[in-house]
Amino acid sequence: PHDYTLGELSARLLLPREMQYRTLYPTGDVDWAYFNLATNARVDISTMGEWDGWLDVCLYRENGTLLTNCLDPIQNVEVGISTQLTAGRYYVRVKDRDDYALTSYQLLLETYENDQFEPDDLTNQAWTITAGQRLSRTLWPTNDVDCFKFVVTNQSAVLIMADTISKYLSITNGKVVPWLYNDAGVPVVVD
C-alpha cells in the first residue's frame, strides 16, 4: 500500500486542544494522526520540537487527497497549517524532512467553530456550572462571549479560572478575561 494507506491504518486520534507528545523513531519513522469535524471549521495544526530537526507536515482528506503541506521554514521552531475545512475526517502526516529520528515533538489541533453550548452570549442564556467542573469552550467567531452562572448559598471563597491553549502555550496569545456579575447584572468588585 502507498504512504497514505499505511497512515490511515496506523493513525492515532487527535482531539482539539489536547496536545500530543510524540517521537520520530527510528530513523525514517512517519507519524499519522486523524481528526473528525462534525461541521465546517477553521483549523490550526501546529508542531513544536527539537532544534535539530526539520518537520514536514501534510494534511489529507479521508479519500487520500493531499490538501496542503508545510515544511518548517526555520529549523523546527514551529510548523503550522491553518485552513478552513468542511465536515469530515482528515489525516495529518508528520515526518522529518531528512528522515532523521527526533526524540520529541508536540502536535496540537485547534478548531474554531461554535461549541455545543451556543447560544450563550447573554446572561439569560448562561449555562450553570458546579464547583470543580471544568469546561472546554470555544470563543468563536471573533467577539464571541460565553456566559456561565453558579449559585452560592452562603458566604464562600470562590476561585474562577480561565485558561487558553495557544500554539505557544502563552497567556499573551489569546488571553481570556473572566468578568463576575451578581444576579442583577452588576459587575462585582473583587479584592
N, C-alpha and C. Protein backbone atom coordinates (compact mmCIF):
# COMPACT_ATOMS: atom_id res chain seq x y z
N PRO A 1 0.83 -1.21 0.00
CA PRO A 1 0.00 0.00 0.00
C PRO A 1 0.87 1.25 0.00
N HIS A 2 0.31 2.33 -0.57
CA HIS A 2 1.07 3.58 -0.63
C HIS A 2 1.10 4.25 0.74
N ASP A 3 1.90 5.32 0.84
CA ASP A 3 2.14 6.02 2.11
C ASP A 3 0.84 6.40 2.83
N TYR A 4 -0.13 6.95 2.10
CA TYR A 4 -1.37 7.39 2.74
C TYR A 4 -2.13 6.21 3.33
N THR A 5 -2.21 5.08 2.61
CA THR A 5 -2.94 3.91 3.11
C THR A 5 -2.31 3.39 4.39
N LEU A 6 -0.99 3.36 4.45
CA LEU A 6 -0.31 2.92 5.68
C LEU A 6 -0.65 3.85 6.84
N GLY A 7 -0.68 5.15 6.57
CA GLY A 7 -1.01 6.12 7.61
C GLY A 7 -2.44 5.97 8.09
N GLU A 8 -3.34 5.70 7.17
CA GLU A 8 -4.75 5.53 7.52
C GLU A 8 -4.92 4.37 8.49
N LEU A 9 -4.11 3.35 8.34
CA LEU A 9 -4.19 2.17 9.20
C LEU A 9 -3.59 2.41 10.58
N SER A 10 -2.58 3.27 10.67
CA SER A 10 -1.87 3.45 11.94
C SER A 10 -2.16 4.76 12.65
N ALA A 11 -3.02 5.60 12.09
CA ALA A 11 -3.26 6.94 12.64
C ALA A 11 -3.87 6.88 14.03
N ARG A 12 -3.47 7.84 14.86
CA ARG A 12 -3.97 7.97 16.22
C ARG A 12 -4.90 9.19 16.28
N LEU A 13 -6.01 9.07 17.01
CA LEU A 13 -6.99 10.15 17.12
C LEU A 13 -6.36 11.40 17.73
N LEU A 14 -6.56 12.53 17.08
CA LEU A 14 -6.07 13.83 17.54
C LEU A 14 -7.29 14.67 17.90
N LEU A 15 -7.45 14.96 19.19
CA LEU A 15 -8.59 15.74 19.66
C LEU A 15 -8.20 17.20 19.79
N PRO A 16 -9.12 18.11 19.48
CA PRO A 16 -8.81 19.53 19.62
C PRO A 16 -8.38 19.89 21.04
N ARG A 17 -7.36 20.74 21.14
CA ARG A 17 -6.87 21.30 22.39
C ARG A 17 -6.25 20.27 23.33
N GLU A 18 -5.91 19.09 22.83
CA GLU A 18 -5.23 18.09 23.65
C GLU A 18 -3.88 17.79 22.99
N MET A 19 -2.85 18.44 23.50
CA MET A 19 -1.52 18.31 22.89
C MET A 19 -1.02 16.88 23.02
N GLN A 20 -0.50 16.36 21.91
CA GLN A 20 0.12 15.04 21.91
C GLN A 20 1.63 15.20 21.91
N TYR A 21 2.31 14.37 22.70
CA TYR A 21 3.76 14.37 22.78
C TYR A 21 4.24 13.11 22.07
N ARG A 22 5.07 13.29 21.05
CA ARG A 22 5.42 12.18 20.17
C ARG A 22 6.93 12.14 19.91
N THR A 23 7.37 11.04 19.30
CA THR A 23 8.75 10.90 18.83
C THR A 23 8.73 10.41 17.39
N LEU A 24 9.79 10.69 16.68
CA LEU A 24 10.02 10.08 15.37
C LEU A 24 11.21 9.15 15.55
N TYR A 25 10.92 7.89 15.73
CA TYR A 25 11.96 6.90 15.98
C TYR A 25 11.47 5.55 15.50
N PRO A 26 12.29 4.78 14.85
CA PRO A 26 13.69 5.00 14.49
C PRO A 26 13.82 5.96 13.31
N THR A 27 15.03 6.13 12.82
CA THR A 27 15.27 6.97 11.65
C THR A 27 14.32 6.57 10.53
N GLY A 28 13.68 7.58 9.90
CA GLY A 28 12.74 7.32 8.82
C GLY A 28 11.31 7.12 9.27
N ASP A 29 11.06 7.18 10.58
CA ASP A 29 9.70 7.00 11.11
C ASP A 29 8.78 8.10 10.58
N VAL A 30 7.54 7.74 10.36
CA VAL A 30 6.50 8.68 9.94
C VAL A 30 5.32 8.51 10.89
N ASP A 31 4.81 9.62 11.43
CA ASP A 31 3.67 9.58 12.35
C ASP A 31 2.41 10.06 11.64
N TRP A 32 1.29 9.45 12.00
CA TRP A 32 -0.02 9.80 11.44
C TRP A 32 -1.00 10.06 12.56
N ALA A 33 -1.89 11.01 12.34
CA ALA A 33 -2.99 11.29 13.26
C ALA A 33 -4.22 11.58 12.41
N TYR A 34 -5.40 11.43 13.02
CA TYR A 34 -6.61 11.80 12.30
C TYR A 34 -7.53 12.58 13.23
N PHE A 35 -8.40 13.39 12.64
CA PHE A 35 -9.41 14.09 13.41
C PHE A 35 -10.68 14.18 12.59
N ASN A 36 -11.80 14.34 13.29
CA ASN A 36 -13.11 14.43 12.66
C ASN A 36 -13.70 15.81 12.92
N LEU A 37 -14.33 16.37 11.91
CA LEU A 37 -15.07 17.62 12.06
C LEU A 37 -16.54 17.34 11.80
N ALA A 38 -17.38 17.69 12.77
CA ALA A 38 -18.83 17.50 12.61
C ALA A 38 -19.44 18.60 11.75
N THR A 39 -18.80 19.76 11.72
CA THR A 39 -19.28 20.90 10.93
C THR A 39 -18.09 21.56 10.25
N ASN A 40 -18.35 22.50 9.38
CA ASN A 40 -17.28 23.28 8.78
C ASN A 40 -16.55 24.05 9.88
N ALA A 41 -15.25 24.15 9.77
CA ALA A 41 -14.48 24.85 10.81
C ALA A 41 -13.13 25.28 10.25
N ARG A 42 -12.58 26.32 10.85
CA ARG A 42 -11.19 26.69 10.58
C ARG A 42 -10.35 25.90 11.56
N VAL A 43 -9.24 25.36 11.11
CA VAL A 43 -8.37 24.57 11.98
C VAL A 43 -6.95 25.10 11.90
N ASP A 44 -6.25 24.98 13.02
CA ASP A 44 -4.81 25.23 13.08
C ASP A 44 -4.17 23.94 13.56
N ILE A 45 -3.18 23.47 12.83
CA ILE A 45 -2.41 22.29 13.22
C ILE A 45 -0.99 22.78 13.41
N SER A 46 -0.44 22.58 14.59
CA SER A 46 0.91 23.07 14.83
C SER A 46 1.76 22.02 15.50
N THR A 47 3.06 22.11 15.25
CA THR A 47 4.03 21.22 15.87
C THR A 47 5.16 22.05 16.45
N MET A 48 5.75 21.53 17.47
CA MET A 48 6.96 22.12 18.05
C MET A 48 7.86 20.95 18.41
N GLY A 49 9.16 21.14 18.29
CA GLY A 49 10.04 20.02 18.60
C GLY A 49 11.48 20.42 18.75
N GLU A 50 12.35 19.49 18.45
CA GLU A 50 13.78 19.70 18.61
C GLU A 50 14.31 20.70 17.60
N TRP A 51 15.39 21.36 17.98
CA TRP A 51 16.02 22.33 17.10
C TRP A 51 16.79 21.68 15.97
N ASP A 52 17.15 20.41 16.11
CA ASP A 52 17.97 19.78 15.07
C ASP A 52 17.16 19.00 14.05
N GLY A 53 15.85 19.20 14.01
CA GLY A 53 15.03 18.51 13.02
C GLY A 53 14.32 19.49 12.12
N TRP A 54 13.86 19.03 10.97
CA TRP A 54 13.09 19.84 10.02
C TRP A 54 11.81 19.09 9.74
N LEU A 55 10.72 19.45 10.38
CA LEU A 55 9.48 18.71 10.24
C LEU A 55 8.75 19.06 8.95
N ASP A 56 8.14 18.05 8.37
CA ASP A 56 7.29 18.18 7.20
C ASP A 56 5.91 17.68 7.62
N VAL A 57 4.89 18.56 7.54
CA VAL A 57 3.54 18.22 7.97
C VAL A 57 2.62 18.28 6.76
N CYS A 58 1.84 17.24 6.55
CA CYS A 58 0.89 17.19 5.43
C CYS A 58 -0.51 16.93 5.96
N LEU A 59 -1.51 17.52 5.30
CA LEU A 59 -2.91 17.34 5.64
C LEU A 59 -3.63 16.69 4.47
N TYR A 60 -4.33 15.58 4.76
CA TYR A 60 -5.04 14.82 3.73
C TYR A 60 -6.54 14.73 4.05
N ARG A 61 -7.35 14.70 3.00
CA ARG A 61 -8.76 14.33 3.17
C ARG A 61 -8.84 12.83 3.39
N GLU A 62 -9.98 12.37 3.86
CA GLU A 62 -10.17 10.93 4.10
C GLU A 62 -9.96 10.11 2.83
N ASN A 63 -10.24 10.67 1.68
CA ASN A 63 -10.08 9.92 0.42
C ASN A 63 -8.63 9.86 -0.07
N GLY A 64 -7.70 10.45 0.68
CA GLY A 64 -6.29 10.41 0.32
C GLY A 64 -5.79 11.61 -0.45
N THR A 65 -6.66 12.57 -0.73
CA THR A 65 -6.25 13.77 -1.45
C THR A 65 -5.40 14.66 -0.55
N LEU A 66 -4.20 15.00 -1.02
CA LEU A 66 -3.33 15.91 -0.28
C LEU A 66 -3.90 17.32 -0.39
N LEU A 67 -4.22 17.94 0.77
CA LEU A 67 -4.77 19.29 0.78
C LEU A 67 -3.67 20.33 0.86
N THR A 68 -2.73 20.12 1.75
CA THR A 68 -1.65 21.09 1.91
C THR A 68 -0.53 20.43 2.70
N ASN A 69 0.66 20.99 2.52
CA ASN A 69 1.76 20.55 3.36
C ASN A 69 2.55 21.77 3.77
N CYS A 70 3.25 21.64 4.86
CA CYS A 70 4.02 22.75 5.39
C CYS A 70 5.37 22.21 5.82
N LEU A 71 6.42 22.72 5.19
CA LEU A 71 7.77 22.35 5.57
C LEU A 71 8.30 23.45 6.46
N ASP A 72 8.85 23.07 7.59
CA ASP A 72 9.37 24.03 8.55
C ASP A 72 10.33 25.00 7.87
N PRO A 73 9.98 26.31 7.83
CA PRO A 73 10.85 27.28 7.17
C PRO A 73 12.08 27.64 7.99
N ILE A 74 11.97 27.57 9.30
CA ILE A 74 13.09 27.90 10.19
C ILE A 74 13.27 26.69 11.08
N GLN A 75 14.36 26.04 10.94
CA GLN A 75 14.61 24.74 11.53
C GLN A 75 13.82 24.42 12.78
N ASN A 76 12.66 23.84 12.59
CA ASN A 76 11.81 23.24 13.62
C ASN A 76 11.45 24.14 14.79
N VAL A 77 11.39 25.45 14.63
CA VAL A 77 10.85 26.30 15.68
C VAL A 77 9.37 26.01 15.80
N GLU A 78 8.67 26.02 14.67
CA GLU A 78 7.26 25.65 14.64
C GLU A 78 6.84 25.39 13.21
N VAL A 79 6.00 24.41 13.02
CA VAL A 79 5.39 24.15 11.73
C VAL A 79 3.90 24.25 11.93
N GLY A 80 3.21 24.91 11.02
CA GLY A 80 1.78 25.04 11.21
C GLY A 80 1.01 25.09 9.91
N ILE A 81 -0.20 24.55 9.97
CA ILE A 81 -1.15 24.62 8.87
C ILE A 81 -2.38 25.30 9.43
N SER A 82 -2.87 26.31 8.76
CA SER A 82 -4.09 27.00 9.15
C SER A 82 -4.98 27.07 7.92
N THR A 83 -6.18 26.47 8.01
CA THR A 83 -7.04 26.39 6.84
C THR A 83 -8.50 26.20 7.23
N GLN A 84 -9.39 26.50 6.33
CA GLN A 84 -10.82 26.27 6.51
C GLN A 84 -11.16 24.91 5.91
N LEU A 85 -11.90 24.07 6.66
CA LEU A 85 -12.25 22.73 6.20
C LEU A 85 -13.75 22.50 6.30
N THR A 86 -14.24 21.56 5.53
CA THR A 86 -15.64 21.15 5.62
C THR A 86 -15.74 19.95 6.56
N ALA A 87 -16.95 19.58 6.93
CA ALA A 87 -17.15 18.44 7.82
C ALA A 87 -16.55 17.19 7.20
N GLY A 88 -15.99 16.32 8.04
CA GLY A 88 -15.42 15.06 7.54
C GLY A 88 -14.23 14.62 8.36
N ARG A 89 -13.57 13.57 7.89
CA ARG A 89 -12.37 13.04 8.54
C ARG A 89 -11.14 13.50 7.77
N TYR A 90 -10.09 13.84 8.53
CA TYR A 90 -8.85 14.32 7.95
C TYR A 90 -7.66 13.60 8.60
N TYR A 91 -6.57 13.48 7.84
CA TYR A 91 -5.36 12.82 8.32
C TYR A 91 -4.19 13.79 8.26
N VAL A 92 -3.34 13.70 9.27
CA VAL A 92 -2.14 14.53 9.37
C VAL A 92 -0.93 13.60 9.36
N ARG A 93 0.04 13.90 8.49
CA ARG A 93 1.28 13.13 8.45
C ARG A 93 2.42 14.03 8.91
N VAL A 94 3.25 13.52 9.82
CA VAL A 94 4.42 14.26 10.30
C VAL A 94 5.65 13.39 10.09
N LYS A 95 6.66 13.99 9.46
CA LYS A 95 7.94 13.29 9.31
C LYS A 95 9.06 14.31 9.30
N ASP A 96 10.26 13.86 9.51
CA ASP A 96 11.41 14.74 9.39
C ASP A 96 11.80 14.82 7.92
N ARG A 97 12.10 16.03 7.45
CA ARG A 97 12.43 16.24 6.04
C ARG A 97 13.55 15.32 5.57
N ASP A 98 14.54 15.11 6.44
CA ASP A 98 15.70 14.30 6.06
C ASP A 98 15.64 12.90 6.67
N ASP A 99 14.46 12.50 7.18
CA ASP A 99 14.25 11.18 7.77
C ASP A 99 15.07 10.93 9.03
N TYR A 100 15.45 12.01 9.74
CA TYR A 100 16.16 11.84 11.00
C TYR A 100 15.19 11.41 12.09
N ALA A 101 15.73 10.81 13.14
CA ALA A 101 14.93 10.49 14.32
C ALA A 101 14.86 11.73 15.20
N LEU A 102 13.71 11.98 15.82
CA LEU A 102 13.54 13.08 16.78
C LEU A 102 13.08 12.49 18.10
N THR A 103 13.75 12.86 19.18
CA THR A 103 13.38 12.29 20.48
C THR A 103 12.07 12.86 20.99
N SER A 104 11.68 14.06 20.52
CA SER A 104 10.39 14.60 20.97
C SER A 104 9.91 15.71 20.06
N TYR A 105 8.59 15.75 19.89
CA TYR A 105 7.91 16.89 19.28
C TYR A 105 6.47 16.86 19.77
N GLN A 106 5.79 17.98 19.63
CA GLN A 106 4.41 18.09 20.07
C GLN A 106 3.52 18.35 18.86
N LEU A 107 2.30 17.83 18.93
CA LEU A 107 1.31 18.01 17.87
C LEU A 107 0.03 18.53 18.51
N LEU A 108 -0.49 19.63 17.96
CA LEU A 108 -1.67 20.27 18.54
C LEU A 108 -2.66 20.65 17.45
N LEU A 109 -3.94 20.35 17.69
CA LEU A 109 -5.02 20.72 16.79
C LEU A 109 -5.92 21.72 17.51
N GLU A 110 -6.17 22.85 16.87
CA GLU A 110 -7.13 23.83 17.36
C GLU A 110 -8.24 23.94 16.34
N THR A 111 -9.49 23.91 16.78
CA THR A 111 -10.61 24.10 15.87
C THR A 111 -11.35 25.36 16.27
N TYR A 112 -11.82 26.09 15.28
CA TYR A 112 -12.56 27.32 15.52
C TYR A 112 -13.94 27.15 14.92
N GLU A 113 -14.89 26.86 15.81
CA GLU A 113 -16.27 26.65 15.41
C GLU A 113 -17.13 26.90 16.64
N ASN A 114 -18.41 27.07 16.44
CA ASN A 114 -19.30 27.21 17.60
C ASN A 114 -19.26 25.93 18.42
N ASP A 115 -19.18 26.06 19.75
CA ASP A 115 -19.23 24.88 20.58
C ASP A 115 -20.69 24.51 20.86
N GLN A 116 -20.89 23.38 21.51
CA GLN A 116 -22.24 22.85 21.73
C GLN A 116 -23.04 23.66 22.74
N PHE A 117 -22.43 24.65 23.40
CA PHE A 117 -23.14 25.44 24.41
C PHE A 117 -23.81 26.68 23.82
N GLU A 118 -23.53 27.01 22.57
CA GLU A 118 -24.14 28.20 21.96
C GLU A 118 -25.63 27.99 21.74
N PRO A 119 -26.46 29.00 21.83
CA PRO A 119 -26.11 30.37 22.17
C PRO A 119 -25.98 30.56 23.68
N ASP A 120 -24.95 31.27 24.07
CA ASP A 120 -24.72 31.58 25.49
C ASP A 120 -24.05 32.93 25.64
N ASP A 121 -24.39 33.86 24.75
CA ASP A 121 -23.77 35.18 24.74
C ASP A 121 -24.39 36.15 25.75
N LEU A 122 -25.58 35.86 26.24
CA LEU A 122 -26.29 36.74 27.17
C LEU A 122 -26.45 36.05 28.51
N THR A 123 -26.61 36.84 29.57
CA THR A 123 -26.74 36.25 30.91
C THR A 123 -27.98 35.36 31.03
N ASN A 124 -29.05 35.68 30.30
CA ASN A 124 -30.24 34.83 30.39
C ASN A 124 -30.08 33.53 29.58
N GLN A 125 -28.95 33.38 28.88
CA GLN A 125 -28.62 32.14 28.17
C GLN A 125 -27.50 31.37 28.87
N ALA A 126 -27.08 31.84 30.02
CA ALA A 126 -25.92 31.27 30.71
C ALA A 126 -26.15 29.83 31.13
N TRP A 127 -25.11 29.04 31.00
CA TRP A 127 -25.14 27.64 31.43
C TRP A 127 -24.72 27.58 32.90
N THR A 128 -25.33 26.71 33.65
CA THR A 128 -25.00 26.53 35.07
C THR A 128 -23.78 25.62 35.19
N ILE A 129 -22.82 26.05 36.00
CA ILE A 129 -21.66 25.22 36.28
C ILE A 129 -21.62 24.93 37.78
N THR A 130 -20.98 23.84 38.14
CA THR A 130 -20.89 23.44 39.54
C THR A 130 -19.44 23.48 39.99
N ALA A 131 -19.24 23.50 41.30
CA ALA A 131 -17.89 23.55 41.86
C ALA A 131 -17.05 22.40 41.33
N GLY A 132 -15.86 22.74 40.88
CA GLY A 132 -14.92 21.74 40.39
C GLY A 132 -15.13 21.32 38.94
N GLN A 133 -16.19 21.78 38.31
CA GLN A 133 -16.47 21.41 36.93
C GLN A 133 -15.53 22.15 35.98
N ARG A 134 -14.97 21.44 35.05
CA ARG A 134 -14.08 22.03 34.06
C ARG A 134 -14.75 21.92 32.70
N LEU A 135 -14.84 23.03 31.98
CA LEU A 135 -15.46 23.04 30.67
C LEU A 135 -14.45 23.43 29.61
N SER A 136 -14.53 22.81 28.46
CA SER A 136 -13.72 23.19 27.32
C SER A 136 -14.63 23.92 26.35
N ARG A 137 -14.35 25.19 26.11
CA ARG A 137 -15.21 26.05 25.30
C ARG A 137 -14.42 26.69 24.18
N THR A 138 -15.14 27.23 23.21
CA THR A 138 -14.52 27.95 22.10
C THR A 138 -15.09 29.35 22.03
N LEU A 139 -14.20 30.34 21.95
CA LEU A 139 -14.62 31.71 21.70
C LEU A 139 -14.50 31.93 20.19
N TRP A 140 -15.61 31.75 19.51
CA TRP A 140 -15.63 31.86 18.06
C TRP A 140 -17.03 32.15 17.61
N PRO A 141 -17.30 33.01 16.66
CA PRO A 141 -16.33 33.80 15.91
C PRO A 141 -15.76 34.95 16.74
N THR A 142 -15.01 35.83 16.08
CA THR A 142 -14.42 36.98 16.75
C THR A 142 -15.49 37.73 17.53
N ASN A 143 -15.13 38.19 18.72
CA ASN A 143 -16.02 38.93 19.66
C ASN A 143 -17.08 38.06 20.32
N ASP A 144 -16.95 36.74 20.26
CA ASP A 144 -17.88 35.85 20.96
C ASP A 144 -17.73 36.05 22.46
N VAL A 145 -18.82 35.88 23.19
CA VAL A 145 -18.86 35.96 24.64
C VAL A 145 -19.54 34.69 25.15
N ASP A 146 -19.02 34.09 26.20
CA ASP A 146 -19.65 32.93 26.82
C ASP A 146 -20.05 33.29 28.24
N CYS A 147 -21.30 33.01 28.61
CA CYS A 147 -21.81 33.31 29.95
C CYS A 147 -22.07 32.02 30.72
N PHE A 148 -21.72 32.04 31.99
CA PHE A 148 -21.95 30.93 32.92
C PHE A 148 -22.62 31.48 34.15
N LYS A 149 -23.27 30.61 34.90
CA LYS A 149 -23.81 31.03 36.18
C LYS A 149 -23.57 29.94 37.21
N PHE A 150 -23.47 30.37 38.46
CA PHE A 150 -23.34 29.43 39.57
C PHE A 150 -24.03 30.03 40.78
N VAL A 151 -24.40 29.17 41.71
CA VAL A 151 -25.15 29.60 42.90
C VAL A 151 -24.28 29.38 44.13
N VAL A 152 -24.23 30.40 44.97
CA VAL A 152 -23.55 30.31 46.26
C VAL A 152 -24.62 30.48 47.33
N THR A 153 -24.78 29.49 48.20
CA THR A 153 -25.86 29.54 49.19
C THR A 153 -25.44 30.18 50.52
N ASN A 154 -24.16 30.32 50.75
CA ASN A 154 -23.68 31.04 51.93
C ASN A 154 -22.37 31.73 51.57
N GLN A 155 -21.87 32.56 52.47
CA GLN A 155 -20.64 33.27 52.18
C GLN A 155 -19.52 32.27 51.93
N SER A 156 -18.84 32.44 50.79
CA SER A 156 -17.82 31.47 50.38
C SER A 156 -16.69 32.17 49.65
N ALA A 157 -15.54 31.57 49.72
CA ALA A 157 -14.43 31.99 48.87
C ALA A 157 -14.60 31.25 47.54
N VAL A 158 -14.55 31.99 46.44
CA VAL A 158 -14.77 31.40 45.12
C VAL A 158 -13.56 31.67 44.25
N LEU A 159 -13.08 30.66 43.58
CA LEU A 159 -11.97 30.79 42.64
C LEU A 159 -12.50 30.47 41.25
N ILE A 160 -12.37 31.43 40.33
CA ILE A 160 -12.79 31.24 38.95
C ILE A 160 -11.54 31.33 38.10
N MET A 161 -11.30 30.30 37.30
CA MET A 161 -10.09 30.28 36.46
C MET A 161 -10.48 30.09 35.01
N ALA A 162 -9.80 30.80 34.14
CA ALA A 162 -9.95 30.64 32.70
C ALA A 162 -8.55 30.51 32.12
N ASP A 163 -8.38 29.56 31.23
CA ASP A 163 -7.08 29.31 30.65
C ASP A 163 -7.26 29.08 29.16
N THR A 164 -6.24 29.44 28.40
CA THR A 164 -6.27 29.19 26.97
C THR A 164 -5.13 28.27 26.60
N ILE A 165 -5.33 27.53 25.53
CA ILE A 165 -4.24 26.74 24.98
C ILE A 165 -3.94 27.32 23.62
N SER A 166 -2.82 27.98 23.52
CA SER A 166 -2.39 28.52 22.24
C SER A 166 -1.28 27.65 21.70
N LYS A 167 -0.89 27.89 20.47
CA LYS A 167 0.18 27.08 19.90
C LYS A 167 1.50 27.26 20.64
N TYR A 168 1.66 28.36 21.37
CA TYR A 168 2.87 28.58 22.15
C TYR A 168 2.63 28.39 23.64
N LEU A 169 1.42 28.01 24.03
CA LEU A 169 1.03 27.85 25.43
C LEU A 169 1.38 29.12 26.21
N SER A 170 0.98 30.25 25.67
CA SER A 170 1.31 31.54 26.24
C SER A 170 0.04 32.31 26.57
N ILE A 171 0.01 32.99 27.72
CA ILE A 171 -1.17 33.78 28.06
C ILE A 171 -1.26 35.06 27.25
N THR A 172 -0.21 35.40 26.51
CA THR A 172 -0.26 36.62 25.71
C THR A 172 -0.87 36.38 24.33
N ASN A 173 -1.06 35.14 23.97
CA ASN A 173 -1.62 34.82 22.66
C ASN A 173 -3.02 34.24 22.86
N GLY A 174 -4.04 35.10 22.82
CA GLY A 174 -5.40 34.62 23.02
C GLY A 174 -5.79 34.62 24.48
N LYS A 175 -5.58 35.72 25.18
CA LYS A 175 -5.87 35.80 26.61
C LYS A 175 -7.38 35.86 26.85
N VAL A 176 -7.87 35.06 27.78
CA VAL A 176 -9.28 35.03 28.16
C VAL A 176 -9.44 35.81 29.45
N VAL A 177 -10.39 36.74 29.48
CA VAL A 177 -10.61 37.57 30.66
C VAL A 177 -11.99 37.28 31.23
N PRO A 178 -12.06 36.71 32.45
CA PRO A 178 -13.37 36.47 33.07
C PRO A 178 -13.88 37.72 33.80
N TRP A 179 -15.17 37.94 33.74
CA TRP A 179 -15.84 39.02 34.47
C TRP A 179 -16.89 38.41 35.35
N LEU A 180 -17.05 38.94 36.56
CA LEU A 180 -18.02 38.41 37.52
C LEU A 180 -19.12 39.44 37.75
N TYR A 181 -20.37 39.00 37.63
CA TYR A 181 -21.55 39.85 37.83
C TYR A 181 -22.45 39.20 38.86
N ASN A 182 -23.20 40.03 39.61
CA ASN A 182 -24.19 39.46 40.53
C ASN A 182 -25.46 39.15 39.75
N ASP A 183 -26.48 38.62 40.44
CA ASP A 183 -27.70 38.21 39.72
C ASP A 183 -28.50 39.38 39.17
N ALA A 184 -28.16 40.61 39.55
CA ALA A 184 -28.82 41.79 39.00
C ALA A 184 -28.07 42.32 37.77
N GLY A 185 -26.96 41.66 37.39
CA GLY A 185 -26.20 42.07 36.23
C GLY A 185 -25.21 43.18 36.51
N VAL A 186 -24.91 43.41 37.77
CA VAL A 186 -23.97 44.46 38.17
C VAL A 186 -22.59 43.82 38.37
N PRO A 187 -21.53 44.42 37.79
CA PRO A 187 -20.18 43.86 37.99
C PRO A 187 -19.82 43.82 39.47
N VAL A 188 -19.20 42.71 39.87
CA VAL A 188 -18.78 42.52 41.25
C VAL A 188 -17.32 42.94 41.37
N VAL A 189 -17.01 43.81 42.32
CA VAL A 189 -15.64 44.22 42.56
C VAL A 189 -14.97 43.15 43.41
N VAL A 190 -13.86 42.65 42.90
CA VAL A 190 -13.15 41.58 43.59
C VAL A 190 -11.86 42.13 44.16
N ASP A 191 -11.62 41.86 45.46
CA ASP A 191 -10.38 42.30 46.09
C ASP A 191 -9.24 41.38 45.77
